[in-house]
Amino acid sequence: MKRRKFLKNSTKITAGLVSAPLLASYPDTRKIETKINDHTVETKPIAICTWNFQNATAKAWEVLKNGGSALDAVEQGVMVEEANENNQTVGKGGRPDRNGNVTLDACIMDKDGHCGAVLAMQNIAHPVSVARKVMEDTPHVMLAGKGAEQFAYEKGFEKVNLLTEKSKQEWLEWKKTSKYKPIINIENHDTIGMLAIDKNGDISGACTTSGMAYKYAGRVGDSPIIGAGLFVDNEVGGATATGVGEEVVRTVGSFLIVELMRQGKSPQEACEEGVKRIMAKNKDNTDFQIGFIAMNKKGDTGSFCIHPGFTYRQYSNEGHVNNPSDSFIKR
């Protein structure tokens, strides 16, 4: 064990990590220089999320600027939308499945590669926090359905009616025809995925959704699947996805994008390649939306989608902005 500890400490020194006393001397939001693969790069506190969820990134930035961890930032950031009843794609107020039940999916991943997820969970308002409990308090990565719900109660989460009157009435109206065709950038706008880098240069991510409206009971998309809807590698960067999850799962999209960044591609280049891989398998089908966002260790960001209209929100020392994404299909 002594030899292992010595080797671990030696690795940290040769990697050029900044010492704790030096880190403590920096203001919380000051840019910090680290050294990766013998190239000096800049890391900085930053939070990004899919779509224009400005309240979510504002909350994440509040955590980061006060010196909080990226893990706390992404959890608290996406919780804002989980609690937003006007957002019918995430958390309480989300559109139900065909049987009228709101089922939620979420995952979270930290700087050390630890991760947790809940799938098809009912009656709990903050699935991302349950996912974190799975990560921290169990030997598992995923809990599903009634098992996830029971675990949440054991951890002190309260039972909540997730079906709001607005979502209920829309579901009752849908039942008159029971026909489902996703509306690009509206009903496919079903996820908030968030990535953050904290003052130490550490990366974490979270992803949460109520899934597709009026889906088959038990359907789970990419959002809670590590490697599909979200993936983080603290040596490289992170990526997260939104849109029709089935297509993201088929290419293990977020993992693919992080691996492309490991090979030297920028976040933008990696997101573009991720979408192109999906479209190569859907040459005769373009009637759906996928959007990827990515961030590398330096804090560089990128995004790409199938159809115009996707954006991602970003908060850093440079400001709080909504970035339009370039698309595979042009207007």
C-alpha atoms as a PDB file:
ATOM      1  CA  MET A   1       0.000   0.000   0.000  1.00  0.00           C
ATOM      2  CA  LYS A   2       2.902   2.349   0.786  1.00  0.00           C
ATOM      3  CA  ARG A   3       4.362   1.745  -2.676  1.00  0.00           C
ATOM      4  CA  ARG A   4       0.959   2.325  -4.308  1.00  0.00           C
ATOM      5  CA  LYS A   5       0.523   5.582  -2.388  1.00  0.00           C
ATOM      6  CA  PHE A   6       4.033   6.692  -3.364  1.00  0.00           C
ATOM      7  CA  LEU A   7       3.401   5.966  -7.046  1.00  0.00           C
ATOM      8  CA  LYS A   8       0.047   7.778  -6.918  1.00  0.00           C
ATOM      9  CA  ASN A   9       1.639  10.862  -5.353  1.00  0.00           C
ATOM     10  CA  SER A  10       4.520  10.740  -7.813  1.00  0.00           C
ATOM     11  CA  THR A  11       2.063  10.644 -10.722  1.00  0.00           C
ATOM     12  CA  LYS A  12       0.292  13.723  -9.427  1.00  0.00           C
ATOM     13  CA  ILE A  13       3.579  15.598  -9.161  1.00  0.00           C
ATOM     14  CA  THR A  14       4.768  14.659 -12.646  1.00  0.00           C
ATOM     15  CA  ALA A  15       1.381  15.572 -14.096  1.00  0.00           C
ATOM     16  CA  GLY A  16       1.949  19.088 -12.817  1.00  0.00           C
ATOM     17  CA  LEU A  17      -1.104  19.361 -10.588  1.00  0.00           C
ATOM     18  CA  VAL A  18      -1.268  22.597  -8.624  1.00  0.00           C
ATOM     19  CA  SER A  19      -0.542  22.180  -4.925  1.00  0.00           C
ATOM     20  CA  ALA A  20      -3.259  22.712  -2.324  1.00  0.00           C
ATOM     21  CA  PRO A  21      -1.607  25.786  -0.742  1.00  0.00           C
ATOM     22  CA  LEU A  22      -1.292  27.403  -4.158  1.00  0.00           C
ATOM     23  CA  LEU A  23      -4.926  26.633  -5.016  1.00  0.00           C
ATOM     24  CA  ALA A  24      -6.013  28.195  -1.746  1.00  0.00           C
ATOM     25  CA  SER A  25      -4.272  31.437  -2.702  1.00  0.00           C
ATOM     26  CA  TYR A  26      -6.451  31.908  -5.784  1.00  0.00           C
ATOM     27  CA  PRO A  27      -9.830  33.653  -5.722  1.00  0.00           C
ATOM     28  CA  ASP A  28     -12.660  31.210  -6.392  1.00  0.00           C
ATOM     29  CA  THR A  29     -13.269  32.304  -9.957  1.00  0.00           C
ATOM     30  CA  ARG A  30      -9.700  32.964 -11.042  1.00  0.00           C
ATOM     31  CA  LYS A  31      -8.370  30.951 -13.961  1.00  0.00           C
ATOM     32  CA  ILE A  32      -5.900  28.276 -12.928  1.00  0.00           C
ATOM     33  CA  GLU A  33      -3.106  26.922 -15.074  1.00  0.00           C
ATOM     34  CA  THR A  34      -2.467  23.192 -15.016  1.00  0.00           C
ATOM     35  CA  LYS A  35      -0.309  20.971 -17.127  1.00  0.00           C
ATOM     36  CA  ILE A  36      -1.729  18.118 -19.202  1.00  0.00           C
ATOM     37  CA  ASN A  37       0.492  15.926 -21.367  1.00  0.00           C
ATOM     38  CA  ASP A  38       3.322  18.431 -21.006  1.00  0.00           C
ATOM     39  CA  HIS A  39       1.262  21.224 -22.581  1.00  0.00           C
ATOM     40  CA  THR A  40       0.273  24.157 -20.417  1.00  0.00           C
ATOM     41  CA  VAL A  41      -3.443  24.822 -20.713  1.00  0.00           C
ATOM     42  CA  GLU A  42      -5.993  26.921 -18.906  1.00  0.00           C
ATOM     43  CA  THR A  43      -8.866  25.595 -16.878  1.00  0.00           C
ATOM     44  CA  LYS A  44     -11.526  27.800 -15.401  1.00  0.00           C
ATOM     45  CA  PRO A  45     -14.859  27.561 -13.614  1.00  0.00           C
ATOM     46  CA  ILE A  46     -17.543  27.101 -16.240  1.00  0.00           C
ATOM     47  CA  ALA A  47     -20.962  25.493 -16.538  1.00  0.00           C
ATOM     48  CA  ILE A  48     -22.834  24.586 -19.708  1.00  0.00           C
ATOM     49  CA  CYS A  49     -26.163  22.892 -20.309  1.00  0.00           C
ATOM     50  CA  THR A  50     -28.351  21.778 -23.175  1.00  0.00           C
ATOM     51  CA  TRP A  51     -30.957  24.310 -24.284  1.00  0.00           C
ATOM     52  CA  ASN A  52     -31.536  27.780 -22.906  1.00  0.00           C
ATOM     53  CA  PHE A  53     -32.007  26.859 -19.241  1.00  0.00           C
ATOM     54  CA  GLN A  54     -30.499  30.064 -17.916  1.00  0.00           C
ATOM     55  CA  ASN A  55     -31.752  29.592 -14.355  1.00  0.00           C
ATOM     56  CA  ALA A  56     -30.031  26.217 -14.227  1.00  0.00           C
ATOM     57  CA  THR A  57     -26.647  27.540 -15.325  1.00  0.00           C
ATOM     58  CA  ALA A  58     -27.067  30.544 -13.017  1.00  0.00           C
ATOM     59  CA  LYS A  59     -27.476  28.180 -10.075  1.00  0.00           C
ATOM     60  CA  ALA A  60     -24.503  26.080 -11.156  1.00  0.00           C
ATOM     61  CA  TRP A  61     -22.379  29.207 -11.508  1.00  0.00           C
ATOM     62  CA  GLU A  62     -23.408  30.362  -8.039  1.00  0.00           C
ATOM     63  CA  VAL A  63     -21.977  27.123  -6.666  1.00  0.00           C
ATOM     64  CA  LEU A  64     -18.790  27.415  -8.720  1.00  0.00           C
ATOM     65  CA  LYS A  65     -18.053  31.060  -7.959  1.00  0.00           C
ATOM     66  CA  ASN A  66     -18.358  30.315  -4.245  1.00  0.00           C
ATOM     67  CA  GLY A  67     -15.710  27.634  -4.555  1.00  0.00           C
ATOM     68  CA  GLY A  68     -18.050  24.648  -4.751  1.00  0.00           C
ATOM     69  CA  SER A  69     -17.317  21.445  -6.591  1.00  0.00           C
ATOM     70  CA  ALA A  70     -18.360  20.700 -10.156  1.00  0.00           C
ATOM     71  CA  LEU A  71     -20.382  17.775  -8.800  1.00  0.00           C
ATOM     72  CA  ASP A  72     -22.447  20.019  -6.528  1.00  0.00           C
ATOM     73  CA  ALA A  73     -22.800  22.552  -9.335  1.00  0.00           C
ATOM     74  CA  VAL A  74     -24.285  20.133 -11.869  1.00  0.00           C
ATOM     75  CA  GLU A  75     -26.604  18.532  -9.340  1.00  0.00           C
ATOM     76  CA  GLN A  76     -27.970  21.827  -8.046  1.00  0.00           C
ATOM     77  CA  GLY A  77     -28.113  23.267 -11.541  1.00  0.00           C
ATOM     78  CA  VAL A  78     -30.329  20.587 -13.059  1.00  0.00           C
ATOM     79  CA  MET A  79     -32.468  20.447  -9.913  1.00  0.00           C
ATOM     80  CA  VAL A  80     -33.739  23.905 -10.862  1.00  0.00           C
ATOM     81  CA  GLU A  81     -35.422  22.433 -13.927  1.00  0.00           C
ATOM     82  CA  GLU A  82     -36.565  19.307 -12.119  1.00  0.00           C
ATOM     83  CA  ALA A  83     -38.555  21.623  -9.835  1.00  0.00           C
ATOM     84  CA  ASN A  84     -39.835  23.844 -12.660  1.00  0.00           C
ATOM     85  CA  GLU A  85     -43.431  22.745 -13.306  1.00  0.00           C
ATOM     86  CA  ASN A  86     -43.537  24.853 -16.464  1.00  0.00           C
ATOM     87  CA  ASN A  87     -40.844  22.654 -17.981  1.00  0.00           C
ATOM     88  CA  GLN A  88     -42.839  19.666 -19.205  1.00  0.00           C
ATOM     89  CA  THR A  89     -39.781  17.658 -20.208  1.00  0.00           C
ATOM     90  CA  VAL A  90     -38.034  17.338 -16.847  1.00  0.00           C
ATOM     91  CA  GLY A  91     -39.069  16.466 -13.296  1.00  0.00           C
ATOM     92  CA  LYS A  92     -42.349  17.510 -11.746  1.00  0.00           C
ATOM     93  CA  GLY A  93     -44.788  18.539 -14.450  1.00  0.00           C
ATOM     94  CA  GLY A  94     -43.161  16.306 -17.041  1.00  0.00           C
ATOM     95  CA  ARG A  95     -45.439  14.740 -19.635  1.00  0.00           C
ATOM     96  CA  PRO A  96     -46.556  11.221 -18.700  1.00  0.00           C
ATOM     97  CA  ASP A  97     -46.288   7.915 -20.519  1.00  0.00           C
ATOM     98  CA  ARG A  98     -49.236   6.413 -22.396  1.00  0.00           C
ATOM     99  CA  ASN A  99     -50.742   5.175 -19.139  1.00  0.00           C
ATOM    100  CA  GLY A 100     -50.665   8.609 -17.530  1.00  0.00           C
ATOM    101  CA  ASN A 101     -47.666   7.961 -15.271  1.00  0.00           C
ATOM    102  CA  VAL A 102     -44.763  10.404 -15.064  1.00  0.00           C
ATOM    103  CA  THR A 103     -41.543   8.384 -14.980  1.00  0.00           C
ATOM    104  CA  LEU A 104     -38.188  10.067 -14.542  1.00  0.00           C
ATOM    105  CA  ASP A 105     -34.626   9.163 -15.547  1.00  0.00           C
ATOM    106  CA  ALA A 106     -31.366  10.754 -14.420  1.00  0.00           C
ATOM    107  CA  CYS A 107     -27.659  10.138 -14.016  1.00  0.00           C
ATOM    108  CA  ILE A 108     -24.646  11.873 -12.536  1.00  0.00           C
ATOM    109  CA  MET A 109     -20.901  11.354 -12.930  1.00  0.00           C
ATOM    110  CA  ASP A 110     -17.984  12.785 -10.976  1.00  0.00           C
ATOM    111  CA  LYS A 111     -14.322  13.551 -11.583  1.00  0.00           C
ATOM    112  CA  ASP A 112     -13.191  10.101 -10.491  1.00  0.00           C
ATOM    113  CA  GLY A 113     -15.460   8.237 -12.888  1.00  0.00           C
ATOM    114  CA  HIS A 114     -17.945   7.326 -10.185  1.00  0.00           C
ATOM    115  CA  CYS A 115     -21.509   7.387 -11.463  1.00  0.00           C
ATOM    116  CA  GLY A 116     -25.084   6.698 -10.480  1.00  0.00           C
ATOM    117  CA  ALA A 117     -28.421   6.534 -12.276  1.00  0.00           C
ATOM    118  CA  VAL A 118     -32.129   5.956 -11.763  1.00  0.00           C
ATOM    119  CA  LEU A 119     -34.462   4.760 -14.509  1.00  0.00           C
ATOM    120  CA  ALA A 120     -38.252   4.888 -14.899  1.00  0.00           C
ATOM    121  CA  MET A 121     -38.700   6.138 -11.347  1.00  0.00           C
ATOM    122  CA  GLN A 122     -42.073   7.522 -10.206  1.00  0.00           C
ATOM    123  CA  ASN A 123     -43.188   9.850  -7.411  1.00  0.00           C
ATOM    124  CA  ILE A 124     -39.797  11.453  -6.671  1.00  0.00           C
ATOM    125  CA  ALA A 125     -39.235  15.075  -7.695  1.00  0.00           C
ATOM    126  CA  HIS A 126     -35.420  15.078  -7.896  1.00  0.00           C
ATOM    127  CA  PRO A 127     -34.120  11.969  -9.636  1.00  0.00           C
ATOM    128  CA  VAL A 128     -30.647  13.468 -10.068  1.00  0.00           C
ATOM    129  CA  SER A 129     -30.222  13.574  -6.299  1.00  0.00           C
ATOM    130  CA  VAL A 130     -31.372   9.964  -5.988  1.00  0.00           C
ATOM    131  CA  ALA A 131     -28.838   9.077  -8.702  1.00  0.00           C
ATOM    132  CA  ARG A 132     -26.126  10.727  -6.617  1.00  0.00           C
ATOM    133  CA  LYS A 133     -27.193   8.651  -3.604  1.00  0.00           C
ATOM    134  CA  VAL A 134     -26.940   5.521  -5.747  1.00  0.00           C
ATOM    135  CA  MET A 135     -23.408   6.583  -6.701  1.00  0.00           C
ATOM    136  CA  GLU A 136     -22.285   7.450  -3.183  1.00  0.00           C
ATOM    137  CA  ASP A 137     -24.214   5.061  -0.937  1.00  0.00           C
ATOM    138  CA  THR A 138     -24.486   1.791  -2.891  1.00  0.00           C
ATOM    139  CA  PRO A 139     -22.166  -0.581  -4.761  1.00  0.00           C
ATOM    140  CA  HIS A 140     -24.376  -0.165  -7.836  1.00  0.00           C
ATOM    141  CA  VAL A 141     -24.574   2.219 -10.772  1.00  0.00           C
ATOM    142  CA  MET A 142     -28.260   1.924 -11.717  1.00  0.00           C
ATOM    143  CA  LEU A 143     -31.543   1.376  -9.900  1.00  0.00           C
ATOM    144  CA  ALA A 144     -34.808   1.112 -11.817  1.00  0.00           C
ATOM    145  CA  GLY A 145     -38.540   1.448 -11.317  1.00  0.00           C
ATOM    146  CA  LYS A 146     -40.003   0.490  -7.953  1.00  0.00           C
ATOM    147  CA  GLY A 147     -36.577  -0.423  -6.616  1.00  0.00           C
ATOM    148  CA  ALA A 148     -35.280   3.080  -7.307  1.00  0.00           C
ATOM    149  CA  GLU A 149     -38.389   4.598  -5.754  1.00  0.00           C
ATOM    150  CA  GLN A 150     -38.088   2.480  -2.592  1.00  0.00           C
ATOM    151  CA  PHE A 151     -34.412   3.371  -2.301  1.00  0.00           C
ATOM    152  CA  ALA A 152     -35.328   7.062  -2.505  1.00  0.00           C
ATOM    153  CA  TYR A 153     -37.807   6.724   0.361  1.00  0.00           C
ATOM    154  CA  GLU A 154     -35.171   4.952   2.434  1.00  0.00           C
ATOM    155  CA  LYS A 155     -32.873   7.926   1.834  1.00  0.00           C
ATOM    156  CA  GLY A 156     -35.490  10.402   3.022  1.00  0.00           C
ATOM    157  CA  PHE A 157     -36.997  11.601  -0.256  1.00  0.00           C
ATOM    158  CA  GLU A 158     -40.699  12.466  -0.088  1.00  0.00           C
ATOM    159  CA  LYS A 159     -43.429  11.020  -2.270  1.00  0.00           C
ATOM    160  CA  VAL A 160     -44.700  13.645  -4.721  1.00  0.00           C
ATOM    161  CA  ASN A 161     -47.466  13.670  -7.320  1.00  0.00           C
ATOM    162  CA  LEU A 162     -45.488  14.487 -10.461  1.00  0.00           C
ATOM    163  CA  LEU A 163     -48.488  14.805 -12.805  1.00  0.00           C
ATOM    164  CA  THR A 164     -49.601  18.434 -12.873  1.00  0.00           C
ATOM    165  CA  GLU A 165     -53.044  19.435 -14.055  1.00  0.00           C
ATOM    166  CA  LYS A 166     -51.640  20.954 -17.247  1.00  0.00           C
ATOM    167  CA  SER A 167     -49.787  17.784 -18.227  1.00  0.00           C
ATOM    168  CA  LYS A 168     -52.793  15.668 -17.258  1.00  0.00           C
ATOM    169  CA  GLN A 169     -55.167  17.617 -19.493  1.00  0.00           C
ATOM    170  CA  GLU A 170     -52.750  17.430 -22.429  1.00  0.00           C
ATOM    171  CA  TRP A 171     -52.453  13.663 -21.924  1.00  0.00           C
ATOM    172  CA  LEU A 172     -56.246  13.269 -21.883  1.00  0.00           C
ATOM    173  CA  GLU A 173     -56.439  15.248 -25.122  1.00  0.00           C
ATOM    174  CA  TRP A 174     -53.715  13.069 -26.677  1.00  0.00           C
ATOM    175  CA  LYS A 175     -55.653   9.922 -25.760  1.00  0.00           C
ATOM    176  CA  LYS A 176     -58.438  10.918 -28.147  1.00  0.00           C
ATOM    177  CA  THR A 177     -56.204   9.964 -31.082  1.00  0.00           C
ATOM    178  CA  SER A 178     -53.242   8.265 -29.358  1.00  0.00           C
ATOM    179  CA  LYS A 179     -51.061   9.256 -32.283  1.00  0.00           C
ATOM    180  CA  TYR A 180     -47.514  10.282 -31.573  1.00  0.00           C
ATOM    181  CA  LYS A 181     -45.137  12.136 -33.821  1.00  0.00           C
ATOM    182  CA  PRO A 182     -42.330  14.050 -32.110  1.00  0.00           C
ATOM    183  CA  ILE A 183     -42.206  17.756 -32.853  1.00  0.00           C
ATOM    184  CA  ILE A 184     -38.608  18.717 -33.476  1.00  0.00           C
ATOM    185  CA  ASN A 185     -37.160  21.053 -30.832  1.00  0.00           C
ATOM    186  CA  ILE A 186     -40.356  20.855 -28.764  1.00  0.00           C
ATOM    187  CA  GLU A 187     -41.260  17.324 -27.724  1.00  0.00           C
ATOM    188  CA  ASN A 188     -37.726  16.225 -28.551  1.00  0.00           C
ATOM    189  CA  HIS A 189     -36.536  18.964 -26.212  1.00  0.00           C
ATOM    190  CA  ASP A 190     -36.752  16.442 -23.423  1.00  0.00           C
ATOM    191  CA  THR A 191     -33.549  16.674 -21.434  1.00  0.00           C
ATOM    192  CA  ILE A 192     -31.264  18.945 -19.482  1.00  0.00           C
ATOM    193  CA  GLY A 193     -27.684  17.749 -19.561  1.00  0.00           C
ATOM    194  CA  MET A 194     -25.073  19.812 -17.724  1.00  0.00           C
ATOM    195  CA  LEU A 195     -21.273  19.832 -17.544  1.00  0.00           C
ATOM    196  CA  ALA A 196     -19.090  21.891 -15.209  1.00  0.00           C
ATOM    197  CA  ILE A 197     -15.451  22.560 -14.400  1.00  0.00           C
ATOM    198  CA  ASP A 198     -14.677  23.873 -10.921  1.00  0.00           C
ATOM    199  CA  LYS A 199     -11.791  26.003  -9.622  1.00  0.00           C
ATOM    200  CA  ASN A 200      -9.603  22.901  -9.280  1.00  0.00           C
ATOM    201  CA  GLY A 201     -10.078  22.019 -12.924  1.00  0.00           C
ATOM    202  CA  ASP A 202     -12.222  18.987 -12.080  1.00  0.00           C
ATOM    203  CA  ILE A 203     -15.156  18.013 -14.307  1.00  0.00           C
ATOM    204  CA  SER A 204     -18.542  16.509 -13.454  1.00  0.00           C
ATOM    205  CA  GLY A 205     -21.809  16.067 -15.333  1.00  0.00           C
ATOM    206  CA  ALA A 206     -25.497  15.354 -14.816  1.00  0.00           C
ATOM    207  CA  CYS A 207     -28.458  14.564 -17.042  1.00  0.00           C
ATOM    208  CA  THR A 208     -32.173  14.388 -16.155  1.00  0.00           C
ATOM    209  CA  THR A 209     -35.445  13.984 -18.059  1.00  0.00           C
ATOM    210  CA  SER A 210     -39.048  12.845 -18.000  1.00  0.00           C
ATOM    211  CA  GLY A 211     -38.455  11.250 -21.396  1.00  0.00           C
ATOM    212  CA  MET A 212     -40.600  11.357 -24.477  1.00  0.00           C
ATOM    213  CA  ALA A 213     -44.198  12.365 -23.979  1.00  0.00           C
ATOM    214  CA  TYR A 214     -46.681   9.458 -24.136  1.00  0.00           C
ATOM    215  CA  LYS A 215     -43.912   6.880 -24.463  1.00  0.00           C
ATOM    216  CA  TYR A 216     -44.587   3.190 -23.885  1.00  0.00           C
ATOM    217  CA  ALA A 217     -44.603   2.407 -20.175  1.00  0.00           C
ATOM    218  CA  GLY A 218     -41.115   1.402 -19.123  1.00  0.00           C
ATOM    219  CA  ARG A 219     -39.355   3.140 -21.999  1.00  0.00           C
ATOM    220  CA  VAL A 220     -35.928   4.493 -21.098  1.00  0.00           C
ATOM    221  CA  GLY A 221     -33.879   6.657 -23.426  1.00  0.00           C
ATOM    222  CA  ASP A 222     -30.253   7.687 -23.351  1.00  0.00           C
ATOM    223  CA  SER A 223     -30.388  10.195 -20.500  1.00  0.00           C
ATOM    224  CA  PRO A 224     -29.624   7.871 -17.556  1.00  0.00           C
ATOM    225  CA  ILE A 225     -27.269   5.623 -19.543  1.00  0.00           C
ATOM    226  CA  ILE A 226     -23.632   6.342 -18.745  1.00  0.00           C
ATOM    227  CA  GLY A 227     -21.767   6.663 -22.037  1.00  0.00           C
ATOM    228  CA  ALA A 228     -24.902   7.458 -24.022  1.00  0.00           C
ATOM    229  CA  GLY A 229     -26.629  10.486 -22.506  1.00  0.00           C
ATOM    230  CA  LEU A 230     -23.613  11.523 -20.425  1.00  0.00           C
ATOM    231  CA  PHE A 231     -19.938  10.731 -20.076  1.00  0.00           C
ATOM    232  CA  VAL A 232     -17.105  12.419 -18.203  1.00  0.00           C
ATOM    233  CA  ASP A 233     -13.378  11.690 -18.207  1.00  0.00           C
ATOM    234  CA  ASN A 234     -11.536  14.119 -15.960  1.00  0.00           C
ATOM    235  CA  GLU A 235      -8.351  13.824 -18.018  1.00  0.00           C
ATOM    236  CA  VAL A 236     -10.132  14.763 -21.237  1.00  0.00           C
ATOM    237  CA  GLY A 237     -13.562  16.378 -20.874  1.00  0.00           C
ATOM    238  CA  GLY A 238     -17.245  15.560 -20.914  1.00  0.00           C
ATOM    239  CA  ALA A 239     -20.248  15.344 -23.227  1.00  0.00           C
ATOM    240  CA  THR A 240     -24.009  15.097 -22.892  1.00  0.00           C
ATOM    241  CA  ALA A 241     -26.941  14.715 -25.267  1.00  0.00           C
ATOM    242  CA  THR A 242     -30.568  15.629 -25.853  1.00  0.00           C
ATOM    243  CA  GLY A 243     -33.183  14.506 -28.352  1.00  0.00           C
ATOM    244  CA  VAL A 244     -34.314  11.053 -29.476  1.00  0.00           C
ATOM    245  CA  GLY A 245     -32.417   8.899 -27.026  1.00  0.00           C
ATOM    246  CA  GLU A 246     -32.688   5.661 -28.959  1.00  0.00           C
ATOM    247  CA  GLU A 247     -30.353   7.042 -31.629  1.00  0.00           C
ATOM    248  CA  VAL A 248     -27.840   8.274 -29.064  1.00  0.00           C
ATOM    249  CA  VAL A 249     -27.790   4.865 -27.366  1.00  0.00           C
ATOM    250  CA  ARG A 250     -27.045   3.124 -30.673  1.00  0.00           C
ATOM    251  CA  THR A 251     -23.798   5.034 -31.095  1.00  0.00           C
ATOM    252  CA  VAL A 252     -22.924   5.418 -27.385  1.00  0.00           C
ATOM    253  CA  GLY A 253     -22.807   9.073 -28.325  1.00  0.00           C
ATOM    254  CA  SER A 254     -21.372  10.869 -25.311  1.00  0.00           C
ATOM    255  CA  PHE A 255     -18.602   8.322 -24.796  1.00  0.00           C
ATOM    256  CA  LEU A 256     -17.772   8.565 -28.486  1.00  0.00           C
ATOM    257  CA  ILE A 257     -17.410  12.337 -28.280  1.00  0.00           C
ATOM    258  CA  VAL A 258     -15.117  12.181 -25.245  1.00  0.00           C
ATOM    259  CA  GLU A 259     -12.963   9.552 -26.955  1.00  0.00           C
ATOM    260  CA  LEU A 260     -12.720  11.735 -30.057  1.00  0.00           C
ATOM    261  CA  MET A 261     -11.520  14.598 -27.843  1.00  0.00           C
ATOM    262  CA  ARG A 262      -8.971  12.215 -26.310  1.00  0.00           C
ATOM    263  CA  GLN A 263      -7.669  11.610 -29.825  1.00  0.00           C
ATOM    264  CA  GLY A 264      -7.148  15.344 -30.296  1.00  0.00           C
ATOM    265  CA  LYS A 265     -10.391  16.658 -31.745  1.00  0.00           C
ATOM    266  CA  SER A 266     -11.844  19.878 -30.372  1.00  0.00           C
ATOM    267  CA  PRO A 267     -15.227  19.732 -28.611  1.00  0.00           C
ATOM    268  CA  GLN A 268     -16.818  21.204 -31.731  1.00  0.00           C
ATOM    269  CA  GLU A 269     -15.204  18.695 -34.071  1.00  0.00           C
ATOM    270  CA  ALA A 270     -16.127  15.829 -31.775  1.00  0.00           C
ATOM    271  CA  CYS A 271     -19.792  16.874 -31.561  1.00  0.00           C
ATOM    272  CA  GLU A 272     -19.978  17.157 -35.334  1.00  0.00           C
ATOM    273  CA  GLU A 273     -18.550  13.673 -35.758  1.00  0.00           C
ATOM    274  CA  GLY A 274     -20.993  12.327 -33.179  1.00  0.00           C
ATOM    275  CA  VAL A 275     -23.971  13.609 -35.151  1.00  0.00           C
ATOM    276  CA  LYS A 276     -22.511  12.400 -38.442  1.00  0.00           C
ATOM    277  CA  ARG A 277     -22.175   8.872 -37.021  1.00  0.00           C
ATOM    278  CA  ILE A 278     -25.889   8.923 -36.182  1.00  0.00           C
ATOM    279  CA  MET A 279     -26.898  10.272 -39.567  1.00  0.00           C
ATOM    280  CA  ALA A 280     -24.795   7.658 -41.347  1.00  0.00           C
ATOM    281  CA  LYS A 281     -27.156   5.075 -39.846  1.00  0.00           C
ATOM    282  CA  ASN A 282     -30.260   7.113 -40.714  1.00  0.00           C
ATOM    283  CA  LYS A 283     -29.761   8.052 -44.358  1.00  0.00           C
ATOM    284  CA  ASP A 284     -33.458   7.716 -45.119  1.00  0.00           C
ATOM    285  CA  ASN A 285     -34.725   9.151 -41.842  1.00  0.00           C
ATOM    286  CA  THR A 286     -34.019  12.711 -40.795  1.00  0.00           C
ATOM    287  CA  ASP A 287     -37.287  13.497 -39.026  1.00  0.00           C
ATOM    288  CA  PHE A 288     -35.833  13.664 -35.527  1.00  0.00           C
ATOM    289  CA  GLN A 289     -33.535  15.859 -33.483  1.00  0.00           C
ATOM    290  CA  ILE A 290     -30.311  15.116 -31.625  1.00  0.00           C
ATOM    291  CA  GLY A 291     -28.127  17.713 -29.941  1.00  0.00           C
ATOM    292  CA  PHE A 292     -24.707  17.188 -28.357  1.00  0.00           C
ATOM    293  CA  ILE A 293     -22.669  19.529 -26.201  1.00  0.00           C
ATOM    294  CA  ALA A 294     -19.100  18.923 -25.079  1.00  0.00           C
ATOM    295  CA  MET A 295     -16.370  20.557 -23.047  1.00  0.00           C
ATOM    296  CA  ASN A 296     -12.699  19.680 -22.802  1.00  0.00           C
ATOM    297  CA  LYS A 297     -10.303  20.008 -19.889  1.00  0.00           C
ATOM    298  CA  LYS A 298      -9.348  23.522 -20.977  1.00  0.00           C
ATOM    299  CA  GLY A 299     -12.933  24.740 -20.807  1.00  0.00           C
ATOM    300  CA  ASP A 300     -13.328  24.890 -24.594  1.00  0.00           C
ATOM    301  CA  THR A 301     -16.910  24.058 -25.590  1.00  0.00           C
ATOM    302  CA  GLY A 302     -18.754  22.884 -28.670  1.00  0.00           C
ATOM    303  CA  SER A 303     -22.128  21.676 -29.902  1.00  0.00           C
ATOM    304  CA  PHE A 304     -23.785  20.194 -32.952  1.00  0.00           C
ATOM    305  CA  CYS A 305     -27.282  18.997 -33.829  1.00  0.00           C
ATOM    306  CA  ILE A 306     -29.297  17.526 -36.690  1.00  0.00           C
ATOM    307  CA  HIS A 307     -31.830  20.315 -37.280  1.00  0.00           C
ATOM    308  CA  PRO A 308     -31.417  24.049 -36.650  1.00  0.00           C
ATOM    309  CA  GLY A 309     -32.873  25.367 -33.412  1.00  0.00           C
ATOM    310  CA  PHE A 310     -30.793  23.675 -30.724  1.00  0.00           C
ATOM    311  CA  THR A 311     -28.853  25.950 -28.339  1.00  0.00           C
ATOM    312  CA  TYR A 312     -26.766  25.566 -25.218  1.00  0.00           C
ATOM    313  CA  ARG A 313     -26.385  27.921 -22.276  1.00  0.00           C
ATOM    314  CA  GLN A 314     -22.938  28.772 -20.907  1.00  0.00           C
ATOM    315  CA  TYR A 315     -21.846  30.596 -17.740  1.00  0.00           C
ATOM    316  CA  SER A 316     -18.233  31.525 -17.002  1.00  0.00           C
ATOM    317  CA  ASN A 317     -16.098  34.514 -16.070  1.00  0.00           C
ATOM    318  CA  GLU A 318     -16.690  35.742 -19.626  1.00  0.00           C
ATOM    319  CA  GLY A 319     -20.445  36.030 -19.045  1.00  0.00           C
ATOM    320  CA  HIS A 320     -23.751  34.200 -19.317  1.00  0.00           C
ATOM    321  CA  VAL A 321     -24.688  33.442 -22.912  1.00  0.00           C
ATOM    322  CA  ASN A 322     -26.975  31.246 -24.997  1.00  0.00           C
ATOM    323  CA  ASN A 323     -25.022  29.725 -27.883  1.00  0.00           C
ATOM    324  CA  PRO A 324     -26.785  28.693 -31.088  1.00  0.00           C
ATOM    325  CA  SER A 325     -25.662  25.337 -32.422  1.00  0.00           C
ATOM    326  CA  ASP A 326     -24.643  24.608 -35.969  1.00  0.00           C
ATOM    327  CA  SER A 327     -26.581  21.760 -37.586  1.00  0.00           C
ATOM    328  CA  PHE A 328     -26.170  18.827 -39.954  1.00  0.00           C
ATOM    329  CA  ILE A 329     -29.264  19.884 -41.895  1.00  0.00           C
ATOM    330  CA  LYS A 330     -29.318  23.539 -42.881  1.00  0.00           C
ATOM    331  CA  ARG A 331     -32.407  25.711 -43.151  1.00  0.00           C
END
